Amino acid sequence: MDKSWKHFSTGAVSGGLSAIAFQPLDVIRTHQQGKFGSEVHNVRQSVQFLLAESGVPGLWRGTTPTLLRVCGGAGLYFGMLEQLQVQNRDAVSAFLGGALARSFAGLVMSPLTIVKARMEWDASNRSIVAQFRSLVATYGWQGLYRGVWPTLLRDVPFSGLYVTLYTRLKNTVGGDNCVHHPVAVNFSCGVVAGVSATVLVHPFDVVKTRMQLEMNGMTVRATMAKMFADEGVRGFLRGVLPRVFKRTLGTAITWTMYDGSYTFLDLQLNHFWNAMVEFLPLWMAPNLVTLTGTIIVILTTVLLLAISPNMEGGAPGWAYVLSGVGLFVYQTLDAIDGKQARRTGSSSPLGQLFDHGCDALSALLNCLTACVAFSAGNSTYTFAGLSSVSVNFFAAQWDEYHTGTMSCGNGYYGVTEGQLTLIVCLLLTAAVGTVKNVFTAAPLAQDQVGHKDLVPVAAVIAGGYLSMIVGPARAVYLSHPLVLVGPFGLNFVLMSSRMIVCHMSKVPFSMQSRILVPLAAYLVVVYVPSAAGISIASPMVASVVYAGVATAVYIHYILSAVFEICAHLKIHLLTLPAKKSE
């Protein structure tokens, strides 16, 4: 995935979440600024008025255009910032880059800005479409850009000042603080920069609101003159308090997510992991550390599936506790294998393949464990959960393959939090019995650079859903779900492992015929004879054979890749060479 598109999506998501959380502050601010001659209210009075007028939902009126504007605007803004590469430039470049990015986003989103203001002010609850039609019918197409100049006079200096202050503050308090407390540093710098920039440009926000609500044809200069004559300097500060809170906190959250990498738990557990690695002997190879953790997860998962082969729950509490403890041990060993590699000076491409390959297998096993805990059984939730986790893991490798950067979190929630969440679910299941949950399948990324790499992923997902939902293979899935879930899960693990190898060796990611050919053969054997009224092999026999083939293909590829890398680099997999005496 191209980095600009990644920053577009990150900016859109973080901006959208902030917009929903702080929309009431925006409605209060619009109500306080109001029209010429409107009554001046403080924050408490504004809240009381809005609640009396339209109840609690009234505090979120105008949310839809706000989301469209903020998600699109923030996406465009951060996407352009990435194109301009302002993060590490001097103050002037940062200011100009932030201003240019905001100008572009502001012009594109201006029609939504005026619709948003009018819906926040008006309690009639007219839809976005009705607002657009009313504006165009009354004022023409130019009415959609009413107040665009004060909007730019507000947003462009704000963004320039914000980016400048934010980047300068981060550089000032950088170093170890940014390494050990990135979320706190990003958020604190965002708050300080947000308060300063918001207060300085707030008068133009009041002018913008007046022009968009009045629609009287007055120019920016005439509007400012009338405001000063009627209300004095205080008129330019109406609504400043809710806007400072909304703009400061919202922008700080957005930028914290935009700059996010390690999460809070990653940083706190890192102290524990640093202590744990000291207990490992220096002769212990990092790959042996990884393999030990993976074997523990394999054993706990096999035990749980042996007790509940149909993944319908009902396992004794100690089995869930054992799985939770095993996952925690795996998480710890997975976190310290890289530290052990640096500690022993034995880092190698084989270590990356082995580590990420074991992670891919562990993701499959963790998903199966969760299915048992949630009593997913042979429902569609099982394959939906499996494909969701597997596609996300593959997407991380795919992203690194194209961009060279591995993203495992957004600064708030990442792999560590996901694993700990599963551990908590397992312990709760052990304590109170089986619970049910719904997995949400993650959508595939949009058609972007490298989209052809997703063809085998899409094929496996389509084949999996076909086998488990309709036709002869569904009976196999209903009676023995692991017979189908297992090979399809291994297909995802194999694709992720192959993507890791392609990234390390800088070779193209092929169409994965070793996965697609057996899958196509299986679907043909099961579905074509059934449609033609003939029989080649029973669905159960075909499914078992396919499971065996998929397992053999996975084992063959992993062993071949590992042995070839060992031979090429002249290293051993699970042992370290004896150090020569000085």
Protein backbone atom coordinates (compact mmCIF):
# COMPACT_ATOMS: atom_id res chain seq x y z
CA MET A 1 0.00 0.00 0.00
CA ASP A 2 1.38 3.40 -0.98
CA LYS A 3 2.30 5.46 2.09
CA SER A 4 0.21 8.42 0.95
CA TRP A 5 -2.87 6.19 0.81
CA LYS A 6 -2.01 4.78 4.22
CA HIS A 7 -1.83 8.29 5.68
CA PHE A 8 -5.04 9.22 3.85
CA SER A 9 -6.89 6.33 5.50
CA THR A 10 -5.29 6.91 8.91
CA GLY A 11 -6.18 10.60 8.79
CA ALA A 12 -9.73 9.80 7.71
CA VAL A 13 -10.36 7.24 10.45
CA SER A 14 -8.77 9.25 13.26
CA GLY A 15 -10.48 12.44 12.10
CA GLY A 16 -13.83 10.68 11.91
CA LEU A 17 -13.55 9.26 15.43
CA SER A 18 -12.62 12.67 16.80
CA ALA A 19 -15.52 14.30 14.95
CA ILE A 20 -18.10 11.95 16.44
CA ALA A 21 -16.72 12.36 19.96
CA PHE A 22 -16.61 16.17 19.86
CA GLN A 23 -19.60 17.01 17.65
CA PRO A 24 -21.61 18.42 20.62
CA LEU A 25 -18.88 21.02 21.16
CA ASP A 26 -19.20 22.04 17.52
CA VAL A 27 -22.98 22.41 17.81
CA ILE A 28 -22.58 24.51 20.98
CA ARG A 29 -19.97 26.68 19.26
CA THR A 30 -22.24 27.29 16.25
CA HIS A 31 -25.14 28.16 18.55
CA GLN A 32 -23.00 30.63 20.50
CA GLN A 33 -21.72 32.37 17.38
CA GLY A 34 -25.17 32.47 15.77
CA LYS A 35 -26.53 35.20 13.53
CA PHE A 36 -26.44 38.96 13.84
CA GLY A 37 -28.65 40.01 16.73
CA SER A 38 -28.90 36.51 18.22
CA GLU A 39 -28.83 36.25 22.00
CA VAL A 40 -25.41 35.65 23.57
CA HIS A 41 -25.30 32.43 25.63
CA ASN A 42 -22.56 30.90 27.72
CA VAL A 43 -21.79 27.19 27.39
CA ARG A 44 -24.24 26.10 30.11
CA GLN A 45 -27.07 28.19 28.68
CA SER A 46 -26.36 26.89 25.18
CA VAL A 47 -26.52 23.28 26.35
CA GLN A 48 -29.80 23.91 28.17
CA PHE A 49 -31.29 25.60 25.11
CA LEU A 50 -30.25 22.81 22.75
CA LEU A 51 -31.54 20.09 25.08
CA ALA A 52 -34.86 21.87 25.45
CA GLU A 53 -35.12 22.39 21.68
CA SER A 54 -34.28 18.90 20.41
CA GLY A 55 -33.12 16.72 23.31
CA VAL A 56 -29.83 14.85 23.58
CA PRO A 57 -29.80 13.84 19.87
CA GLY A 58 -29.78 17.56 19.06
CA LEU A 59 -26.23 17.79 20.37
CA TRP A 60 -25.18 15.57 17.46
CA ARG A 61 -27.14 17.26 14.67
CA GLY A 62 -24.99 17.91 11.66
CA THR A 63 -22.87 14.83 12.40
CA THR A 64 -23.28 13.34 8.91
CA PRO A 65 -21.84 16.31 6.96
CA THR A 66 -19.24 16.66 9.71
CA LEU A 67 -18.10 13.07 9.17
CA LEU A 68 -18.05 13.45 5.39
CA ARG A 69 -16.12 16.69 5.67
CA VAL A 70 -13.70 15.58 8.38
CA CYS A 71 -12.99 12.09 7.04
CA GLY A 72 -12.46 13.38 3.52
CA GLY A 73 -10.69 16.55 4.64
CA ALA A 74 -8.43 14.83 7.16
CA GLY A 75 -7.63 12.12 4.64
CA LEU A 76 -6.74 14.66 1.96
CA TYR A 77 -4.83 16.75 4.50
CA PHE A 78 -2.65 13.95 5.86
CA GLY A 79 -2.25 12.39 2.42
CA MET A 80 -0.91 15.68 1.08
CA LEU A 81 1.29 16.17 4.16
CA GLU A 82 2.89 12.83 3.39
CA GLN A 83 3.40 13.90 -0.22
CA LEU A 84 5.00 17.15 0.97
CA GLN A 85 7.08 15.33 3.62
CA VAL A 86 6.83 18.17 6.16
CA GLN A 87 7.58 16.15 9.29
CA ASN A 88 11.34 16.55 9.23
CA ARG A 89 11.73 19.91 7.50
CA ASP A 90 12.54 23.35 8.87
CA ALA A 91 9.92 25.63 10.45
CA VAL A 92 9.18 27.59 7.26
CA SER A 93 8.74 24.43 5.19
CA ALA A 94 6.52 22.90 7.88
CA PHE A 95 4.34 26.03 7.97
CA LEU A 96 4.00 26.23 4.18
CA GLY A 97 3.42 22.48 3.88
CA GLY A 98 0.68 22.50 6.50
CA ALA A 99 -0.93 25.59 4.96
CA LEU A 100 -0.89 24.15 1.43
CA ALA A 101 -2.32 20.81 2.58
CA ARG A 102 -5.15 22.54 4.46
CA SER A 103 -5.92 24.88 1.54
CA PHE A 104 -6.38 21.93 -0.77
CA ALA A 105 -8.55 20.02 1.69
CA GLY A 106 -10.55 23.15 2.60
CA LEU A 107 -11.43 24.03 -0.98
CA VAL A 108 -12.54 20.50 -1.81
CA MET A 109 -14.69 20.21 1.32
CA SER A 110 -16.13 23.75 1.40
CA PRO A 111 -19.69 22.78 0.30
CA LEU A 112 -19.92 20.35 3.21
CA THR A 113 -18.72 23.07 5.59
CA ILE A 114 -21.68 25.36 4.86
CA VAL A 115 -24.17 22.46 5.00
CA LYS A 116 -22.68 21.40 8.33
CA ALA A 117 -23.04 24.90 9.84
CA ARG A 118 -26.65 25.29 8.71
CA MET A 119 -27.67 21.84 9.99
CA GLU A 120 -26.02 22.54 13.36
CA TRP A 121 -27.94 25.83 13.65
CA ASP A 122 -31.28 24.65 12.28
CA ALA A 123 -33.32 22.15 14.31
CA SER A 124 -35.58 21.25 11.37
CA ASN A 125 -33.43 18.15 10.70
CA ARG A 126 -33.42 18.53 6.94
CA SER A 127 -31.21 16.01 5.20
CA ILE A 128 -27.92 16.81 3.49
CA VAL A 129 -29.54 16.44 0.09
CA ALA A 130 -32.33 18.84 1.07
CA GLN A 131 -29.79 21.37 2.33
CA PHE A 132 -27.81 21.17 -0.91
CA ARG A 133 -30.94 21.57 -3.01
CA SER A 134 -32.11 24.53 -0.95
CA LEU A 135 -28.76 26.30 -1.20
CA VAL A 136 -28.42 25.77 -4.95
CA ALA A 137 -32.05 26.74 -5.63
CA THR A 138 -31.83 29.92 -3.57
CA TYR A 139 -28.27 31.12 -4.09
CA GLY A 140 -26.98 29.15 -7.08
CA TRP A 141 -23.92 26.97 -7.13
CA GLN A 142 -21.81 29.79 -5.73
CA GLY A 143 -23.88 29.52 -2.55
CA LEU A 144 -22.05 26.29 -1.76
CA TYR A 145 -18.85 28.30 -1.40
CA ARG A 146 -20.29 31.04 0.79
CA GLY A 147 -17.77 31.81 3.54
CA VAL A 148 -14.93 30.01 1.82
CA TRP A 149 -12.52 32.94 2.29
CA PRO A 150 -12.87 33.24 6.08
CA THR A 151 -12.72 29.43 6.17
CA LEU A 152 -9.35 29.51 4.42
CA LEU A 153 -8.23 32.47 6.54
CA ARG A 154 -9.03 30.31 9.55
CA ASP A 155 -7.79 26.89 8.43
CA VAL A 156 -4.67 27.77 6.46
CA PRO A 157 -2.93 29.76 9.24
CA PHE A 158 -4.19 27.24 11.79
CA SER A 159 -2.69 24.29 9.94
CA GLY A 160 0.54 26.11 9.19
CA LEU A 161 0.90 27.20 12.81
CA TYR A 162 -0.18 23.82 14.14
CA VAL A 163 2.24 21.78 12.03
CA THR A 164 5.07 24.20 12.83
CA LEU A 165 4.43 24.22 16.58
CA TYR A 166 3.76 20.48 16.70
CA THR A 167 6.91 19.47 14.84
CA ARG A 168 9.08 22.00 16.71
CA LEU A 169 7.74 20.86 20.09
CA LYS A 170 8.32 17.21 19.19
CA ASN A 171 11.89 17.96 18.17
CA THR A 172 12.43 19.94 21.39
CA VAL A 173 11.16 17.22 23.73
CA GLY A 174 12.32 14.37 21.47
CA GLY A 175 15.00 11.80 22.11
CA ASP A 176 14.21 9.22 24.77
CA ASN A 177 10.82 10.76 25.49
CA CYS A 178 9.63 10.04 21.93
CA VAL A 179 10.98 6.50 22.15
CA HIS A 180 9.57 5.56 25.55
CA HIS A 181 6.44 7.74 25.71
CA PRO A 182 5.40 8.47 22.11
CA VAL A 183 1.65 8.65 22.79
CA ALA A 184 2.10 11.08 25.70
CA VAL A 185 4.56 13.21 23.72
CA ASN A 186 2.38 13.32 20.59
CA PHE A 187 -0.76 14.14 22.55
CA SER A 188 0.88 16.79 24.76
CA CYS A 189 2.50 18.52 21.80
CA GLY A 190 -0.84 18.35 19.99
CA VAL A 191 -2.67 20.03 22.89
CA VAL A 192 -0.17 22.88 23.25
CA ALA A 193 -0.03 23.49 19.50
CA GLY A 194 -3.83 23.23 19.23
CA VAL A 195 -4.62 25.79 21.94
CA SER A 196 -2.16 28.31 20.54
CA ALA A 197 -3.24 27.99 16.91
CA THR A 198 -6.98 27.87 17.67
CA VAL A 199 -7.07 31.07 19.74
CA LEU A 200 -5.09 33.01 17.13
CA VAL A 201 -7.42 32.20 14.22
CA HIS A 202 -10.75 31.99 16.08
CA PRO A 203 -12.08 35.41 14.92
CA PHE A 204 -12.21 34.12 11.33
CA ASP A 205 -14.27 31.15 12.53
CA VAL A 206 -16.93 33.53 13.88
CA VAL A 207 -16.92 35.48 10.60
CA LYS A 208 -17.26 32.24 8.63
CA THR A 209 -20.25 31.10 10.69
CA ARG A 210 -22.01 34.45 10.34
CA MET A 211 -21.58 34.53 6.57
CA GLN A 212 -22.81 30.94 6.15
CA LEU A 213 -25.87 31.42 8.36
CA GLU A 214 -26.87 34.91 7.18
CA MET A 215 -26.28 34.38 3.43
CA ASN A 216 -26.80 38.15 2.97
CA GLY A 217 -24.15 38.71 0.31
CA MET A 218 -21.88 40.74 2.59
CA THR A 219 -18.14 40.49 1.99
CA VAL A 220 -15.65 39.35 4.60
CA ARG A 221 -14.62 42.93 5.29
CA ALA A 222 -18.22 44.16 5.60
CA THR A 223 -19.13 41.28 7.91
CA MET A 224 -16.17 42.01 10.18
CA ALA A 225 -17.03 45.73 10.24
CA LYS A 226 -20.65 45.05 11.22
CA MET A 227 -19.58 42.59 13.91
CA PHE A 228 -17.17 45.12 15.42
CA ALA A 229 -19.78 47.90 15.30
CA ASP A 230 -22.52 45.79 16.89
CA GLU A 231 -20.60 43.64 19.36
CA GLY A 232 -17.08 45.03 19.70
CA VAL A 233 -14.04 42.82 20.16
CA ARG A 234 -16.04 40.31 22.22
CA GLY A 235 -18.07 39.42 19.16
CA PHE A 236 -14.98 37.89 17.57
CA LEU A 237 -14.49 35.60 20.58
CA ARG A 238 -17.99 34.09 20.68
CA GLY A 239 -17.80 30.29 20.94
CA VAL A 240 -14.07 30.31 21.61
CA LEU A 241 -14.22 27.96 24.63
CA PRO A 242 -16.01 24.98 23.02
CA ARG A 243 -13.96 25.44 19.86
CA VAL A 244 -10.67 25.42 21.79
CA PHE A 245 -11.69 22.19 23.54
CA LYS A 246 -13.00 20.57 20.37
CA ARG A 247 -10.24 21.68 18.04
CA THR A 248 -7.42 21.06 20.51
CA LEU A 249 -8.47 17.61 21.72
CA GLY A 250 -9.72 16.48 18.32
CA THR A 251 -6.57 17.54 16.50
CA ALA A 252 -4.34 16.12 19.23
CA ILE A 253 -6.08 12.74 18.98
CA THR A 254 -5.92 12.80 15.18
CA TRP A 255 -2.21 13.61 15.15
CA THR A 256 -1.45 11.10 17.89
CA MET A 257 -3.03 8.37 15.75
CA TYR A 258 -1.33 9.71 12.62
CA ASP A 259 2.07 9.57 14.36
CA GLY A 260 1.21 6.45 16.37
CA SER A 261 3.38 3.35 16.38
CA TYR A 262 4.01 1.57 19.67
CA THR A 263 1.07 1.42 22.03
CA PHE A 264 0.99 2.23 25.73
CA LEU A 265 1.04 -1.46 26.66
CA ASP A 266 3.93 -2.12 24.27
CA LEU A 267 6.00 0.48 26.09
CA GLN A 268 5.03 -0.71 29.57
CA LEU A 269 5.57 -4.40 28.83
CA ASN A 270 8.89 -3.58 27.18
CA HIS A 271 10.41 -3.21 30.67
CA PHE A 272 9.16 -6.71 31.52
CA TRP A 273 10.48 -8.09 28.23
CA ASN A 274 13.90 -6.48 28.77
CA ALA A 275 14.09 -8.21 32.15
CA MET A 276 12.96 -11.57 30.75
CA VAL A 277 15.55 -11.69 27.99
CA GLU A 278 18.31 -11.54 30.61
CA PHE A 279 17.24 -14.99 31.83
CA LEU A 280 18.01 -16.56 28.44
CA PRO A 281 21.46 -18.15 28.11
CA LEU A 282 23.70 -16.60 25.48
CA TRP A 283 24.00 -19.93 23.68
CA MET A 284 20.24 -20.05 23.01
CA ALA A 285 19.44 -19.18 19.39
CA PRO A 286 16.67 -16.58 18.81
CA ASN A 287 14.89 -19.00 16.47
CA LEU A 288 14.79 -21.56 19.28
CA VAL A 289 13.11 -18.95 21.48
CA THR A 290 10.49 -18.35 18.77
CA LEU A 291 9.99 -22.06 18.15
CA THR A 292 9.52 -22.75 21.86
CA GLY A 293 6.70 -20.21 22.09
CA THR A 294 5.08 -21.54 18.92
CA ILE A 295 5.21 -25.15 20.15
CA ILE A 296 3.49 -24.08 23.38
CA VAL A 297 0.65 -22.46 21.41
CA ILE A 298 0.38 -25.52 19.15
CA LEU A 299 0.09 -27.85 22.15
CA THR A 300 -2.52 -25.75 23.98
CA THR A 301 -4.57 -25.32 20.80
CA VAL A 302 -4.42 -29.02 19.91
CA LEU A 303 -5.50 -29.87 23.46
CA LEU A 304 -8.46 -27.48 23.27
CA LEU A 305 -9.49 -28.78 19.84
CA ALA A 306 -9.18 -32.38 21.02
CA ILE A 307 -11.66 -31.60 23.79
CA SER A 308 -13.95 -29.60 21.48
CA PRO A 309 -13.27 -30.77 17.89
CA ASN A 310 -16.35 -29.00 16.53
CA MET A 311 -15.37 -25.73 18.25
CA GLU A 312 -18.69 -25.58 20.08
CA GLY A 313 -17.17 -24.81 23.47
CA GLY A 314 -17.83 -26.83 26.59
CA ALA A 315 -14.16 -27.40 27.42
CA PRO A 316 -13.25 -27.49 31.14
CA GLY A 317 -12.07 -24.25 32.70
CA TRP A 318 -8.49 -25.44 33.14
CA ALA A 319 -8.16 -25.90 29.35
CA TYR A 320 -9.04 -22.26 28.72
CA VAL A 321 -6.69 -21.13 31.50
CA LEU A 322 -3.91 -23.24 30.00
CA SER A 323 -4.53 -21.69 26.57
CA GLY A 324 -4.46 -18.19 28.05
CA VAL A 325 -1.22 -18.87 29.92
CA GLY A 326 0.28 -20.46 26.81
CA LEU A 327 -0.61 -17.41 24.72
CA PHE A 328 0.99 -15.10 27.29
CA VAL A 329 4.16 -17.20 27.28
CA TYR A 330 4.16 -17.12 23.47
CA GLN A 331 3.68 -13.34 23.48
CA THR A 332 6.62 -12.93 25.84
CA LEU A 333 8.94 -15.22 23.89
CA ASP A 334 7.87 -13.62 20.60
CA ALA A 335 8.73 -10.20 22.04
CA ILE A 336 12.17 -11.18 23.30
CA ASP A 337 13.42 -13.28 20.37
CA GLY A 338 14.51 -10.13 18.56
CA LYS A 339 16.15 -8.82 21.72
CA GLN A 340 18.01 -12.12 22.03
CA ALA A 341 19.15 -11.79 18.41
CA ARG A 342 20.59 -8.32 19.08
CA ARG A 343 22.03 -9.52 22.39
CA THR A 344 23.89 -12.38 20.71
CA GLY A 345 24.65 -10.57 17.45
CA SER A 346 22.83 -13.23 15.43
CA SER A 347 20.21 -11.22 13.52
CA SER A 348 19.55 -12.57 10.00
CA PRO A 349 16.86 -12.68 7.30
CA LEU A 350 16.15 -16.23 8.43
CA GLY A 351 15.19 -14.85 11.82
CA GLN A 352 12.66 -12.51 10.24
CA LEU A 353 11.12 -15.31 8.18
CA PHE A 354 11.06 -17.68 11.14
CA ASP A 355 9.58 -15.07 13.47
CA HIS A 356 6.88 -13.83 11.10
CA GLY A 357 6.17 -17.32 9.82
CA CYS A 358 5.53 -18.51 13.37
CA ASP A 359 3.39 -15.41 13.94
CA ALA A 360 1.28 -16.36 10.92
CA LEU A 361 0.77 -19.88 12.24
CA SER A 362 0.06 -18.54 15.73
CA ALA A 363 -2.58 -16.17 14.33
CA LEU A 364 -4.41 -19.18 12.86
CA LEU A 365 -4.15 -21.13 16.12
CA ASN A 366 -5.30 -18.17 18.20
CA CYS A 367 -8.31 -17.76 15.93
CA LEU A 368 -9.25 -21.43 16.39
CA THR A 369 -8.85 -21.04 20.15
CA ALA A 370 -11.15 -18.01 20.10
CA CYS A 371 -13.71 -19.97 18.07
CA VAL A 372 -13.85 -22.59 20.81
CA ALA A 373 -14.14 -19.96 23.55
CA PHE A 374 -16.93 -18.16 21.67
CA SER A 375 -18.72 -21.39 20.68
CA ALA A 376 -18.51 -20.37 17.03
CA GLY A 377 -18.77 -24.00 15.92
CA ASN A 378 -19.59 -24.52 12.26
CA SER A 379 -21.29 -21.15 11.83
CA THR A 380 -20.22 -18.62 9.24
CA TYR A 381 -18.62 -16.64 12.08
CA THR A 382 -15.81 -19.19 12.22
CA PHE A 383 -14.58 -18.64 8.69
CA ALA A 384 -15.36 -14.91 8.93
CA GLY A 385 -13.13 -14.66 12.00
CA LEU A 386 -10.42 -16.78 10.42
CA SER A 387 -10.41 -14.76 7.20
CA SER A 388 -10.52 -11.47 9.12
CA VAL A 389 -7.45 -12.28 11.20
CA SER A 390 -5.60 -13.91 8.31
CA VAL A 391 -6.31 -11.12 5.82
CA ASN A 392 -5.16 -8.52 8.34
CA PHE A 393 -1.94 -10.44 8.96
CA PHE A 394 -1.36 -10.91 5.24
CA ALA A 395 -2.10 -7.21 4.65
CA ALA A 396 0.62 -6.25 7.14
CA GLN A 397 3.16 -8.35 5.20
CA TRP A 398 1.80 -7.01 1.89
CA ASP A 399 2.16 -3.46 3.18
CA GLU A 400 5.77 -4.10 4.21
CA TYR A 401 6.46 -5.78 0.86
CA HIS A 402 5.47 -2.60 -1.01
CA THR A 403 6.45 0.17 1.44
CA GLY A 404 9.24 -1.39 3.50
CA THR A 405 7.40 -0.48 6.73
CA MET A 406 5.68 -2.91 9.08
CA SER A 407 2.64 -1.39 10.81
CA CYS A 408 1.29 -3.34 13.78
CA GLY A 409 -0.82 -0.69 15.51
CA ASN A 410 -1.99 2.91 15.51
CA GLY A 411 -0.55 4.02 18.84
CA TYR A 412 -3.63 2.89 20.76
CA TYR A 413 -4.42 -0.69 19.82
CA GLY A 414 -2.11 -3.21 18.24
CA VAL A 415 -1.01 -6.83 18.32
CA THR A 416 -0.22 -6.77 22.04
CA GLU A 417 -3.68 -5.49 22.92
CA GLY A 418 -5.29 -8.05 20.62
CA GLN A 419 -3.43 -10.93 22.28
CA LEU A 420 -4.22 -9.68 25.78
CA THR A 421 -7.88 -9.28 24.82
CA LEU A 422 -7.99 -12.93 23.77
CA ILE A 423 -6.27 -13.94 27.02
CA VAL A 424 -8.92 -12.06 29.01
CA CYS A 425 -11.68 -13.74 26.97
CA LEU A 426 -10.19 -17.17 27.67
CA LEU A 427 -9.93 -16.47 31.41
CA LEU A 428 -13.50 -15.13 31.50
CA THR A 429 -14.71 -18.24 29.68
CA ALA A 430 -12.91 -20.38 32.25
CA ALA A 431 -14.54 -18.41 35.07
CA VAL A 432 -18.13 -17.97 33.87
CA GLY A 433 -18.54 -20.48 31.05
CA THR A 434 -18.68 -20.25 27.28
CA VAL A 435 -19.66 -16.92 25.82
CA LYS A 436 -20.65 -16.04 22.28
CA ASN A 437 -19.29 -13.27 20.17
CA VAL A 438 -19.43 -12.17 16.57
CA PHE A 439 -16.34 -11.83 14.46
CA THR A 440 -16.33 -9.00 11.97
CA ALA A 441 -14.56 -9.78 8.70
CA ALA A 442 -12.14 -7.05 7.74
CA PRO A 443 -12.67 -5.64 4.26
CA LEU A 444 -9.94 -5.89 1.72
CA ALA A 445 -8.01 -2.78 0.88
CA GLN A 446 -9.14 -0.69 -2.06
CA ASP A 447 -7.68 -1.20 -5.53
CA GLN A 448 -4.22 0.30 -5.15
CA VAL A 449 -0.64 -0.32 -6.17
CA GLY A 450 0.06 -4.01 -5.68
CA HIS A 451 -3.60 -5.03 -5.81
CA LYS A 452 -2.75 -8.07 -7.92
CA ASP A 453 -1.11 -9.58 -4.84
CA LEU A 454 -4.58 -9.91 -3.33
CA VAL A 455 -5.89 -12.26 -6.03
CA PRO A 456 -4.85 -15.47 -4.22
CA VAL A 457 -6.22 -14.06 -0.95
CA ALA A 458 -9.56 -13.33 -2.59
CA ALA A 459 -9.58 -16.77 -4.21
CA VAL A 460 -8.99 -18.54 -0.89
CA ILE A 461 -11.71 -16.48 0.81
CA ALA A 462 -14.17 -17.14 -2.01
CA GLY A 463 -13.35 -20.85 -2.07
CA GLY A 464 -13.65 -21.06 1.70
CA TYR A 465 -17.04 -19.39 1.84
CA LEU A 466 -18.28 -21.53 -1.06
CA SER A 467 -17.18 -24.72 0.70
CA MET A 468 -18.61 -23.80 4.08
CA ILE A 469 -21.90 -22.19 3.07
CA VAL A 470 -23.34 -23.97 0.03
CA GLY A 471 -23.12 -27.27 -1.81
CA PRO A 472 -21.85 -30.74 -0.90
CA ALA A 473 -18.88 -29.50 1.16
CA ARG A 474 -21.18 -27.75 3.62
CA ALA A 475 -22.14 -31.11 5.13
CA VAL A 476 -18.47 -31.75 5.86
CA TYR A 477 -18.14 -28.33 7.48
CA LEU A 478 -21.21 -28.88 9.65
CA SER A 479 -20.03 -32.27 10.92
CA HIS A 480 -16.23 -31.80 10.98
CA PRO A 481 -15.41 -28.06 10.68
CA LEU A 482 -11.68 -28.51 11.32
CA VAL A 483 -11.35 -30.60 8.15
CA LEU A 484 -12.03 -27.43 6.12
CA VAL A 485 -10.96 -24.66 8.49
CA GLY A 486 -7.52 -26.23 8.91
CA PRO A 487 -6.38 -26.27 5.26
CA PHE A 488 -7.89 -22.88 4.45
CA GLY A 489 -6.15 -21.43 7.49
CA LEU A 490 -2.84 -22.97 6.41
CA ASN A 491 -3.32 -21.39 2.98
CA PHE A 492 -3.39 -17.97 4.64
CA VAL A 493 -0.33 -18.83 6.72
CA LEU A 494 1.51 -19.97 3.60
CA MET A 495 0.63 -16.80 1.66
CA SER A 496 1.84 -14.60 4.53
CA SER A 497 5.07 -16.60 4.79
CA ARG A 498 5.59 -16.34 1.03
CA MET A 499 5.03 -12.57 1.18
CA ILE A 500 7.68 -12.30 3.91
CA VAL A 501 10.20 -14.20 1.77
CA CYS A 502 9.39 -12.06 -1.28
CA HIS A 503 9.90 -8.89 0.74
CA MET A 504 13.26 -10.06 2.11
CA SER A 505 14.56 -11.37 -1.20
CA LYS A 506 13.08 -8.54 -3.31
CA VAL A 507 11.32 -10.89 -5.75
CA PRO A 508 7.78 -10.57 -7.16
CA PHE A 509 4.90 -12.15 -5.27
CA SER A 510 3.56 -14.76 -7.71
CA MET A 511 0.00 -15.99 -8.14
CA GLN A 512 0.68 -18.84 -5.67
CA SER A 513 -0.16 -21.79 -7.90
CA ARG A 514 0.83 -24.17 -5.09
CA ILE A 515 -2.26 -22.86 -3.25
CA LEU A 516 -4.67 -22.13 -6.09
CA VAL A 517 -4.22 -25.35 -8.10
CA PRO A 518 -5.09 -27.75 -5.24
CA LEU A 519 -7.95 -25.45 -4.23
CA ALA A 520 -9.35 -25.41 -7.77
CA ALA A 521 -8.96 -29.18 -8.04
CA TYR A 522 -10.81 -29.67 -4.76
CA LEU A 523 -13.69 -27.42 -5.80
CA VAL A 524 -13.95 -29.16 -9.18
CA VAL A 525 -13.98 -32.66 -7.64
CA VAL A 526 -16.63 -31.70 -5.08
CA TYR A 527 -18.93 -29.37 -7.02
CA VAL A 528 -18.75 -30.26 -10.75
CA PRO A 529 -19.75 -33.96 -10.42
CA SER A 530 -22.54 -32.96 -8.04
CA ALA A 531 -23.91 -30.49 -10.57
CA ALA A 532 -23.60 -33.10 -13.35
CA GLY A 533 -25.22 -35.85 -11.29
CA ILE A 534 -22.13 -38.07 -11.14
CA SER A 535 -19.74 -39.00 -8.34
CA ILE A 536 -15.93 -39.06 -8.31
CA ALA A 537 -15.32 -39.01 -4.56
CA SER A 538 -17.45 -38.23 -1.55
CA PRO A 539 -17.15 -34.67 -0.17
CA MET A 540 -15.62 -36.02 3.05
CA VAL A 541 -12.93 -38.01 1.24
CA ALA A 542 -12.16 -35.09 -1.08
CA SER A 543 -11.98 -32.71 1.89
CA VAL A 544 -9.63 -34.97 3.86
CA VAL A 545 -7.39 -35.40 0.81
CA TYR A 546 -7.37 -31.64 0.24
CA ALA A 547 -6.50 -31.06 3.90
CA GLY A 548 -3.58 -33.46 3.55
CA VAL A 549 -2.36 -31.81 0.34
CA ALA A 550 -2.61 -28.30 1.85
CA THR A 551 -0.70 -29.42 4.94
CA ALA A 552 1.99 -31.11 2.84
CA VAL A 553 2.36 -28.04 0.61
CA TYR A 554 2.74 -25.79 3.66
CA ILE A 555 5.31 -28.04 5.36
CA HIS A 556 7.26 -28.50 2.11
CA TYR A 557 7.45 -24.76 1.45
CA ILE A 558 8.46 -23.83 5.00
CA LEU A 559 11.16 -26.50 5.22
CA SER A 560 12.48 -25.67 1.73
CA ALA A 561 12.64 -21.94 2.46
CA VAL A 562 14.31 -22.42 5.84
CA PHE A 563 16.92 -24.90 4.59
CA GLU A 564 17.73 -22.81 1.50
CA ILE A 565 18.23 -19.68 3.61
CA CYS A 566 20.38 -21.60 6.10
CA ALA A 567 22.52 -22.99 3.28
CA HIS A 568 22.86 -19.62 1.55
CA LEU A 569 23.79 -17.71 4.72
CA LYS A 570 25.82 -20.62 6.14
CA ILE A 571 23.98 -20.49 9.47
CA HIS A 572 22.12 -22.98 11.67
CA LEU A 573 18.43 -22.74 12.47
CA LEU A 574 18.26 -23.48 16.19
CA THR A 575 21.86 -23.22 17.37
CA LEU A 576 24.50 -20.52 17.49
CA PRO A 577 28.11 -21.14 16.43
CA ALA A 578 30.63 -21.37 19.23
CA LYS A 579 32.45 -18.10 19.67
CA LYS A 580 36.13 -18.25 18.87
CA SER A 581 38.36 -17.68 21.87
CA GLU A 582 40.06 -14.31 21.85
